[in-house]
Amino acid sequence: MQLVGNWPIKGKFKKIKFVQIHFFMTTTSIKQKLHNYLEVADSKKLKALYTIIEADIEDISSNYTKEFKVKLDERNSRFKTGKAVVVSAKDSQKRIQKIIKSSKP
């Protein structure tokens, strides 16, 4: 698909063709590419990107209360120090199956 339009360039209108390129990336690969880019981007580009998504970032972070953030930090700290009781996905699935079986008449 081509998009054609007249665009002002140096005070004059010029006909420009835009070609739409179709490519598909998974969300995971997009996140990884963005993460890698952010690690090496200069401050001017970082500020520009931040300006574009600032409102979304503020909306997401404002959804958590201070108490909830404190609780998350405590849990994260316990996990990192090995003090948290952690159940693997496999063990969790076994527990769920056991509960389901025991609840059947």
Protein backbone atom coordinates (compact mmCIF):
# COMPACT_ATOMS: atom_id res chain seq x y z
CA MET A 1 0.00 0.00 0.00
CA GLN A 2 1.34 3.41 -0.90
CA LEU A 3 0.36 6.70 0.63
CA VAL A 4 0.87 9.73 -1.55
CA GLY A 5 0.63 13.26 -0.31
CA ASN A 6 1.83 16.78 -0.90
CA TRP A 7 4.05 17.93 1.92
CA PRO A 8 5.64 21.33 2.46
CA ILE A 9 9.41 21.04 2.12
CA LYS A 10 11.47 24.24 2.32
CA GLY A 11 8.41 26.39 1.63
CA LYS A 12 7.28 24.42 -1.44
CA PHE A 13 4.88 21.52 -1.69
CA LYS A 14 6.41 18.34 -3.01
CA LYS A 15 4.74 15.05 -3.80
CA ILE A 16 6.03 12.31 -1.52
CA LYS A 17 5.23 8.61 -1.65
CA PHE A 18 5.16 6.61 1.54
CA VAL A 19 5.31 2.86 1.40
CA GLN A 20 3.71 0.96 4.24
CA ILE A 21 5.89 -1.94 5.27
CA HIS A 22 4.21 -4.87 6.95
CA PHE A 23 6.23 -6.77 9.48
CA PHE A 24 5.21 -8.63 12.54
CA MET A 25 7.07 -8.79 15.80
CA THR A 26 5.98 -10.40 19.01
CA THR A 27 5.42 -8.20 22.03
CA THR A 28 8.35 -9.93 23.70
CA SER A 29 10.74 -9.13 20.85
CA ILE A 30 9.54 -5.52 20.73
CA LYS A 31 10.13 -5.13 24.47
CA GLN A 32 13.59 -6.68 24.17
CA LYS A 33 14.59 -4.42 21.27
CA LEU A 34 13.32 -1.33 23.10
CA HIS A 35 15.09 -2.38 26.29
CA ASN A 36 18.37 -2.88 24.40
CA TYR A 37 17.96 0.46 22.65
CA LEU A 38 17.23 2.33 25.88
CA GLU A 39 20.47 1.04 27.34
CA VAL A 40 22.53 2.81 24.64
CA ALA A 41 20.34 5.76 23.59
CA ASP A 42 21.63 9.28 24.16
CA SER A 43 19.87 11.59 26.61
CA LYS A 44 18.13 13.64 23.89
CA LYS A 45 16.43 10.55 22.46
CA LEU A 46 15.58 9.23 25.93
CA LYS A 47 13.92 12.53 26.83
CA ALA A 48 11.95 12.51 23.56
CA LEU A 49 10.73 8.94 24.13
CA TYR A 50 9.87 9.72 27.73
CA THR A 51 7.85 12.75 26.65
CA ILE A 52 5.82 10.55 24.29
CA ILE A 53 4.94 7.96 26.93
CA GLU A 54 5.06 10.06 30.11
CA ALA A 55 1.29 10.18 30.61
CA ASP A 56 1.01 6.39 30.33
CA ILE A 57 3.84 5.90 32.81
CA GLU A 58 2.19 8.25 35.30
CA ASP A 59 -1.17 6.49 34.90
CA ILE A 60 0.36 3.08 35.58
CA SER A 61 2.42 4.15 38.58
CA SER A 62 -0.42 6.13 40.13
CA ASN A 63 -2.64 3.03 40.22
CA TYR A 64 -0.67 1.70 43.20
CA THR A 65 -1.19 3.09 46.67
CA LYS A 66 1.82 3.83 48.86
CA GLU A 67 0.85 0.93 51.12
CA PHE A 68 0.72 -1.45 48.17
CA LYS A 69 4.13 -0.28 46.93
CA VAL A 70 5.60 -0.82 50.42
CA LYS A 71 4.13 -4.33 50.51
CA LEU A 72 5.59 -5.12 47.07
CA ASP A 73 9.00 -3.83 48.16
CA GLU A 74 8.86 -5.99 51.30
CA ARG A 75 7.94 -9.10 49.30
CA ASN A 76 10.63 -8.39 46.72
CA SER A 77 13.22 -7.96 49.46
CA ARG A 78 12.22 -11.27 51.11
CA PHE A 79 12.39 -13.02 47.75
CA LYS A 80 15.85 -11.62 46.93
CA THR A 81 17.25 -12.57 50.35
CA GLY A 82 15.77 -16.08 50.19
CA LYS A 83 13.47 -15.50 53.17
CA ALA A 84 10.26 -15.84 51.15
CA VAL A 85 8.38 -19.11 50.94
CA VAL A 86 8.21 -19.81 47.23
CA VAL A 87 6.20 -22.54 45.53
CA SER A 88 7.18 -23.69 42.04
CA ALA A 89 4.60 -23.70 39.27
CA LYS A 90 4.75 -27.50 39.19
CA ASP A 91 4.10 -27.81 42.94
CA SER A 92 1.37 -25.22 42.73
CA GLN A 93 -0.34 -27.18 39.96
CA LYS A 94 -0.14 -30.35 42.07
CA ARG A 95 -1.75 -28.53 45.02
CA ILE A 96 -4.54 -27.21 42.81
CA GLN A 97 -5.24 -30.67 41.36
CA LYS A 98 -5.33 -32.14 44.87
CA ILE A 99 -7.86 -29.51 46.00
CA ILE A 100 -10.00 -30.10 42.91
CA LYS A 101 -10.01 -33.87 43.45
CA SER A 102 -10.86 -33.55 47.13
CA SER A 103 -13.76 -31.20 46.45
CA LYS A 104 -15.49 -33.63 44.05
CA PRO A 105 -18.29 -35.72 45.61
